[in-house]
Every structure is written in C-alpha cells, then in structure tokens.
Amino acid sequence: MMRLHSLINFALFQVVWFMCLLLEQHAIVYSAVVIALMFYLSAQKKQDALLVLKALPLALLCEFIAVQLGLFEFKVDPFPLWLVFLWIALVLCINTSMSFLTKLKPWQAFCVCLLFAPGSYWAGSRFEVLELGMPLWQFWPLYGALWAATFTFILFLNGKIGEFVKQ
C-alpha cells in the first residue's frame, strides 16, 4: 500500500509540475486542487503542514537569491505565483515519494540535489517559463549548490519536525 501511496504522490507532483510549466499563471487554481488532494492523501498531515510552513519561506528565499544573483529570471519579478504552488507540491513529496532522501546522510542528500535539481530549471528554460542567466555549464553547479544547501536544510528541518510531532 505504501508503494502505491508513493506512486500516487509522485504522479500528483508531476501533474503540478507540468501544469505550472504549460499553463503558468493559469495553473494556480488547478495546482491548488491537486495540492489539496496531496495533503488529503498525506499519511502525516501534521508533519507535512508544519514542514510547508517552515520550508516554503526558505525555498522562496532560495529562489529570490538565485534571481538576484542573475542565475535565472522569470517573466514576473522576482518569481511567479505558480512557483509557490510548485514548491508546496514538492515539499509534500518529502515524506512520501521522496522519503528516500530523508534516509540519506546530509552530504549524500546534498549531492543528489546538486546533481539533479538544476535539471528541472533547465527544463523550465526549455519550456520558456524562465531564462537562464548564464551558460548551462556555469548555471548547473552554482544553482545546484544553492538549491542543494537549501533543500538539505529543509530535510534537516523535516527530521526535527518529525521528532516534535512524535512527542
């Protein structure tokens, strides 16, 4: 059952991801509905809710810093509202379809994020929802390090929230 739950969670995140890239600002209402479903299906609602409240400001700060550093730019300054919904959907994956990351050592999680996270933004540039501010070979390690540091800290927070919820 847990495997099915993870697959559903992963699929719902992909729906939000593609809606945001294809529909941009028109995806907000649809994304909110899918996110509500993700939360409804969550087996750890309290932990997920607290994590969204703590992680979202950090994630958006990461995006703001990236824009200010010229790593990329969106059509809307500093970033579009749909990106907020995309981050909420991603955070709702941490304890379900991305739970393998919570079992890694911090340096391992950092490396996974460093290697793979920039690819999502590169894909976004291919969909023309953002524009990279530098060649891909420079963008990937720079943004990868920023994103990986942020997400690794979010994973750390998730562990602390999990301990708090179990008390």
C-alpha atoms as a PDB file:
ATOM      1  CA  MET A   1       0.000   0.000   0.000  1.00  0.00           C
ATOM      2  CA  MET A   2       2.852   2.378   0.824  1.00  0.00           C
ATOM      3  CA  ARG A   3       4.356   1.874  -2.635  1.00  0.00           C
ATOM      4  CA  LEU A   4       1.015   2.809  -4.244  1.00  0.00           C
ATOM      5  CA  HIS A   5       0.767   5.840  -1.953  1.00  0.00           C
ATOM      6  CA  SER A   6       4.242   6.954  -3.074  1.00  0.00           C
ATOM      7  CA  LEU A   7       3.397   6.442  -6.738  1.00  0.00           C
ATOM      8  CA  ILE A   8       0.216   8.498  -6.395  1.00  0.00           C
ATOM      9  CA  ASN A   9       2.126  11.244  -4.583  1.00  0.00           C
ATOM     10  CA  PHE A  10       4.816  11.257  -7.273  1.00  0.00           C
ATOM     11  CA  ALA A  11       2.224  11.341 -10.064  1.00  0.00           C
ATOM     12  CA  LEU A  12       0.357  14.230  -8.427  1.00  0.00           C
ATOM     13  CA  PHE A  13       3.591  16.205  -8.132  1.00  0.00           C
ATOM     14  CA  GLN A  14       4.279  15.588 -11.825  1.00  0.00           C
ATOM     15  CA  VAL A  15       0.789  16.864 -12.650  1.00  0.00           C
ATOM     16  CA  VAL A  16       1.514  20.094 -10.755  1.00  0.00           C
ATOM     17  CA  TRP A  17       4.957  20.398 -12.371  1.00  0.00           C
ATOM     18  CA  PHE A  18       3.645  20.048 -15.911  1.00  0.00           C
ATOM     19  CA  MET A  19       0.617  22.263 -15.272  1.00  0.00           C
ATOM     20  CA  CYS A  20       2.873  25.018 -13.956  1.00  0.00           C
ATOM     21  CA  LEU A  21       5.216  24.781 -16.922  1.00  0.00           C
ATOM     22  CA  LEU A  22       2.489  24.541 -19.527  1.00  0.00           C
ATOM     23  CA  LEU A  23      -0.171  26.825 -18.049  1.00  0.00           C
ATOM     24  CA  GLU A  24       1.962  29.132 -15.864  1.00  0.00           C
ATOM     25  CA  GLN A  25      -0.342  31.598 -14.037  1.00  0.00           C
ATOM     26  CA  HIS A  26      -3.400  29.704 -15.320  1.00  0.00           C
ATOM     27  CA  ALA A  27      -2.226  26.646 -13.360  1.00  0.00           C
ATOM     28  CA  ILE A  28      -2.727  28.188  -9.933  1.00  0.00           C
ATOM     29  CA  VAL A  29      -6.309  27.047  -9.272  1.00  0.00           C
ATOM     30  CA  TYR A  30      -5.705  23.590 -10.741  1.00  0.00           C
ATOM     31  CA  SER A  31      -2.471  23.255  -8.791  1.00  0.00           C
ATOM     32  CA  ALA A  32      -4.237  24.232  -5.579  1.00  0.00           C
ATOM     33  CA  VAL A  33      -6.759  21.444  -6.144  1.00  0.00           C
ATOM     34  CA  VAL A  34      -4.021  18.859  -6.738  1.00  0.00           C
ATOM     35  CA  ILE A  35      -2.087  20.099  -3.701  1.00  0.00           C
ATOM     36  CA  ALA A  36      -5.232  19.799  -1.576  1.00  0.00           C
ATOM     37  CA  LEU A  37      -5.538  16.207  -2.778  1.00  0.00           C
ATOM     38  CA  MET A  38      -1.864  15.567  -1.959  1.00  0.00           C
ATOM     39  CA  PHE A  39      -2.438  16.895   1.543  1.00  0.00           C
ATOM     40  CA  TYR A  40      -5.666  14.909   1.938  1.00  0.00           C
ATOM     41  CA  LEU A  41      -3.800  11.709   0.998  1.00  0.00           C
ATOM     42  CA  SER A  42      -0.884  12.508   3.318  1.00  0.00           C
ATOM     43  CA  ALA A  43      -0.266   9.897   6.000  1.00  0.00           C
ATOM     44  CA  GLN A  44       1.484  12.538   8.140  1.00  0.00           C
ATOM     45  CA  LYS A  45      -0.682  15.630   7.796  1.00  0.00           C
ATOM     46  CA  LYS A  46       0.627  17.443  10.866  1.00  0.00           C
ATOM     47  CA  GLN A  47       4.267  16.954   9.902  1.00  0.00           C
ATOM     48  CA  ASP A  48       3.598  17.937   6.289  1.00  0.00           C
ATOM     49  CA  ALA A  49       1.649  21.047   7.300  1.00  0.00           C
ATOM     50  CA  LEU A  50       4.391  22.199   9.669  1.00  0.00           C
ATOM     51  CA  LEU A  51       7.039  21.443   7.069  1.00  0.00           C
ATOM     52  CA  VAL A  52       5.268  23.520   4.415  1.00  0.00           C
ATOM     53  CA  LEU A  53       5.039  26.428   6.881  1.00  0.00           C
ATOM     54  CA  LYS A  54       8.753  26.218   7.714  1.00  0.00           C
ATOM     55  CA  ALA A  55      10.168  25.185   4.336  1.00  0.00           C
ATOM     56  CA  LEU A  56       8.249  27.452   1.983  1.00  0.00           C
ATOM     57  CA  PRO A  57       9.857  30.714   3.167  1.00  0.00           C
ATOM     58  CA  LEU A  58      13.315  29.109   2.865  1.00  0.00           C
ATOM     59  CA  ALA A  59      12.553  27.782  -0.613  1.00  0.00           C
ATOM     60  CA  LEU A  60      11.268  31.135  -1.808  1.00  0.00           C
ATOM     61  CA  LEU A  61      14.295  32.872  -0.299  1.00  0.00           C
ATOM     62  CA  CYS A  62      16.480  30.480  -2.309  1.00  0.00           C
ATOM     63  CA  GLU A  63      14.599  31.423  -5.481  1.00  0.00           C
ATOM     64  CA  PHE A  64      14.826  35.130  -4.650  1.00  0.00           C
ATOM     65  CA  ILE A  65      18.587  34.874  -4.080  1.00  0.00           C
ATOM     66  CA  ALA A  66      19.015  32.998  -7.363  1.00  0.00           C
ATOM     67  CA  VAL A  67      17.122  35.696  -9.247  1.00  0.00           C
ATOM     68  CA  GLN A  68      19.092  38.468  -7.519  1.00  0.00           C
ATOM     69  CA  LEU A  69      22.362  36.732  -8.387  1.00  0.00           C
ATOM     70  CA  GLY A  70      21.290  36.555 -12.023  1.00  0.00           C
ATOM     71  CA  LEU A  71      21.256  32.762 -12.176  1.00  0.00           C
ATOM     72  CA  PHE A  72      17.900  32.953 -13.943  1.00  0.00           C
ATOM     73  CA  GLU A  73      14.929  35.228 -14.365  1.00  0.00           C
ATOM     74  CA  PHE A  74      11.230  34.667 -14.711  1.00  0.00           C
ATOM     75  CA  LYS A  75       8.716  36.592 -16.790  1.00  0.00           C
ATOM     76  CA  VAL A  76       7.484  38.063 -13.471  1.00  0.00           C
ATOM     77  CA  ASP A  77       9.859  39.633 -10.973  1.00  0.00           C
ATOM     78  CA  PRO A  78      11.079  38.192  -8.657  1.00  0.00           C
ATOM     79  CA  PHE A  79       9.189  34.947  -9.402  1.00  0.00           C
ATOM     80  CA  PRO A  80       5.691  33.878 -10.450  1.00  0.00           C
ATOM     81  CA  LEU A  81       2.993  32.725  -8.058  1.00  0.00           C
ATOM     82  CA  TRP A  82       2.859  29.305  -9.688  1.00  0.00           C
ATOM     83  CA  LEU A  83       6.380  28.665  -8.362  1.00  0.00           C
ATOM     84  CA  VAL A  84       4.993  28.919  -4.812  1.00  0.00           C
ATOM     85  CA  PHE A  85       2.496  26.169  -5.615  1.00  0.00           C
ATOM     86  CA  LEU A  86       5.187  24.067  -7.245  1.00  0.00           C
ATOM     87  CA  TRP A  87       7.306  24.316  -4.096  1.00  0.00           C
ATOM     88  CA  ILE A  88       4.367  23.366  -1.867  1.00  0.00           C
ATOM     89  CA  ALA A  89       3.777  20.281  -4.007  1.00  0.00           C
ATOM     90  CA  LEU A  90       7.482  19.401  -3.829  1.00  0.00           C
ATOM     91  CA  VAL A  91       7.561  19.768  -0.041  1.00  0.00           C
ATOM     92  CA  LEU A  92       4.522  17.469   0.173  1.00  0.00           C
ATOM     93  CA  CYS A  93       6.634  14.787  -1.517  1.00  0.00           C
ATOM     94  CA  ILE A  94       9.418  14.758   1.081  1.00  0.00           C
ATOM     95  CA  ASN A  95       7.741  12.306   3.468  1.00  0.00           C
ATOM     96  CA  THR A  96       6.165  10.183   0.745  1.00  0.00           C
ATOM     97  CA  SER A  97       7.574   9.728  -2.754  1.00  0.00           C
ATOM     98  CA  MET A  98      10.897  11.384  -1.879  1.00  0.00           C
ATOM     99  CA  SER A  99      11.268   9.787   1.548  1.00  0.00           C
ATOM    100  CA  PHE A 100      14.444   8.024   0.398  1.00  0.00           C
ATOM    101  CA  LEU A 101      16.168  11.424   0.701  1.00  0.00           C
ATOM    102  CA  THR A 102      15.334  11.548   4.420  1.00  0.00           C
ATOM    103  CA  LYS A 103      17.290   8.330   4.940  1.00  0.00           C
ATOM    104  CA  LEU A 104      20.481   9.667   3.368  1.00  0.00           C
ATOM    105  CA  LYS A 105      23.284  11.366   5.220  1.00  0.00           C
ATOM    106  CA  PRO A 106      23.170  15.148   4.701  1.00  0.00           C
ATOM    107  CA  TRP A 107      26.167  15.156   2.372  1.00  0.00           C
ATOM    108  CA  GLN A 108      24.556  12.415   0.260  1.00  0.00           C
ATOM    109  CA  ALA A 109      21.259  14.310   0.024  1.00  0.00           C
ATOM    110  CA  PHE A 110      23.228  17.434  -0.904  1.00  0.00           C
ATOM    111  CA  CYS A 111      24.993  15.569  -3.726  1.00  0.00           C
ATOM    112  CA  VAL A 112      21.739  14.116  -5.093  1.00  0.00           C
ATOM    113  CA  CYS A 113      20.171  17.588  -5.111  1.00  0.00           C
ATOM    114  CA  LEU A 114      23.293  19.168  -6.625  1.00  0.00           C
ATOM    115  CA  LEU A 115      23.234  16.678  -9.471  1.00  0.00           C
ATOM    116  CA  PHE A 116      19.525  16.567 -10.262  1.00  0.00           C
ATOM    117  CA  ALA A 117      17.695  19.727  -9.112  1.00  0.00           C
ATOM    118  CA  PRO A 118      19.127  22.114 -11.736  1.00  0.00           C
ATOM    119  CA  GLY A 119      17.698  19.865 -14.441  1.00  0.00           C
ATOM    120  CA  SER A 120      14.199  20.931 -13.500  1.00  0.00           C
ATOM    121  CA  TYR A 121      15.136  24.577 -14.036  1.00  0.00           C
ATOM    122  CA  TRP A 122      16.894  23.770 -17.288  1.00  0.00           C
ATOM    123  CA  ALA A 123      13.664  22.070 -18.405  1.00  0.00           C
ATOM    124  CA  GLY A 124      11.796  25.212 -17.329  1.00  0.00           C
ATOM    125  CA  SER A 125      14.062  27.250 -19.574  1.00  0.00           C
ATOM    126  CA  ARG A 126      13.293  24.888 -22.449  1.00  0.00           C
ATOM    127  CA  PHE A 127       9.563  25.494 -21.800  1.00  0.00           C
ATOM    128  CA  GLU A 128      10.400  29.233 -21.800  1.00  0.00           C
ATOM    129  CA  VAL A 129       8.968  29.908 -18.322  1.00  0.00           C
ATOM    130  CA  LEU A 130      12.354  31.156 -17.166  1.00  0.00           C
ATOM    131  CA  GLU A 131      15.579  32.243 -18.767  1.00  0.00           C
ATOM    132  CA  LEU A 132      18.975  31.095 -17.563  1.00  0.00           C
ATOM    133  CA  GLY A 133      21.290  33.998 -16.837  1.00  0.00           C
ATOM    134  CA  MET A 134      24.459  32.165 -17.828  1.00  0.00           C
ATOM    135  CA  PRO A 135      25.624  29.164 -19.821  1.00  0.00           C
ATOM    136  CA  LEU A 136      24.317  25.829 -18.581  1.00  0.00           C
ATOM    137  CA  TRP A 137      27.769  24.629 -17.528  1.00  0.00           C
ATOM    138  CA  GLN A 138      28.012  27.574 -15.108  1.00  0.00           C
ATOM    139  CA  PHE A 139      24.377  27.549 -14.022  1.00  0.00           C
ATOM    140  CA  TRP A 140      24.236  23.867 -13.070  1.00  0.00           C
ATOM    141  CA  PRO A 141      26.913  23.829 -10.324  1.00  0.00           C
ATOM    142  CA  LEU A 142      26.098  27.318  -8.994  1.00  0.00           C
ATOM    143  CA  TYR A 143      22.361  26.897  -8.724  1.00  0.00           C
ATOM    144  CA  GLY A 144      22.759  23.254  -7.822  1.00  0.00           C
ATOM    145  CA  ALA A 145      24.838  24.209  -4.774  1.00  0.00           C
ATOM    146  CA  LEU A 146      22.360  26.884  -3.674  1.00  0.00           C
ATOM    147  CA  TRP A 147      19.349  24.614  -4.175  1.00  0.00           C
ATOM    148  CA  ALA A 148      21.070  21.621  -2.587  1.00  0.00           C
ATOM    149  CA  ALA A 149      22.062  23.620   0.508  1.00  0.00           C
ATOM    150  CA  THR A 150      18.509  24.898   0.869  1.00  0.00           C
ATOM    151  CA  PHE A 151      16.857  21.528   0.343  1.00  0.00           C
ATOM    152  CA  THR A 152      19.319  19.715   2.622  1.00  0.00           C
ATOM    153  CA  PHE A 153      18.411  22.200   5.350  1.00  0.00           C
ATOM    154  CA  ILE A 154      14.707  21.579   4.628  1.00  0.00           C
ATOM    155  CA  LEU A 155      15.372  17.844   5.069  1.00  0.00           C
ATOM    156  CA  PHE A 156      17.058  18.602   8.406  1.00  0.00           C
ATOM    157  CA  LEU A 157      14.027  20.653   9.469  1.00  0.00           C
ATOM    158  CA  ASN A 158      11.757  17.807   8.419  1.00  0.00           C
ATOM    159  CA  GLY A 159      13.624  15.472  10.776  1.00  0.00           C
ATOM    160  CA  LYS A 160      13.237  17.914  13.657  1.00  0.00           C
ATOM    161  CA  ILE A 161       9.541  18.424  12.888  1.00  0.00           C
ATOM    162  CA  GLY A 162       9.078  14.651  12.764  1.00  0.00           C
ATOM    163  CA  GLU A 163      10.628  14.312  16.216  1.00  0.00           C
ATOM    164  CA  PHE A 164       8.420  17.115  17.532  1.00  0.00           C
ATOM    165  CA  VAL A 165       5.237  15.587  16.102  1.00  0.00           C
ATOM    166  CA  LYS A 166       6.001  12.199  17.682  1.00  0.00           C
ATOM    167  CA  GLN A 167       6.283  13.704  21.188  1.00  0.00           C
END
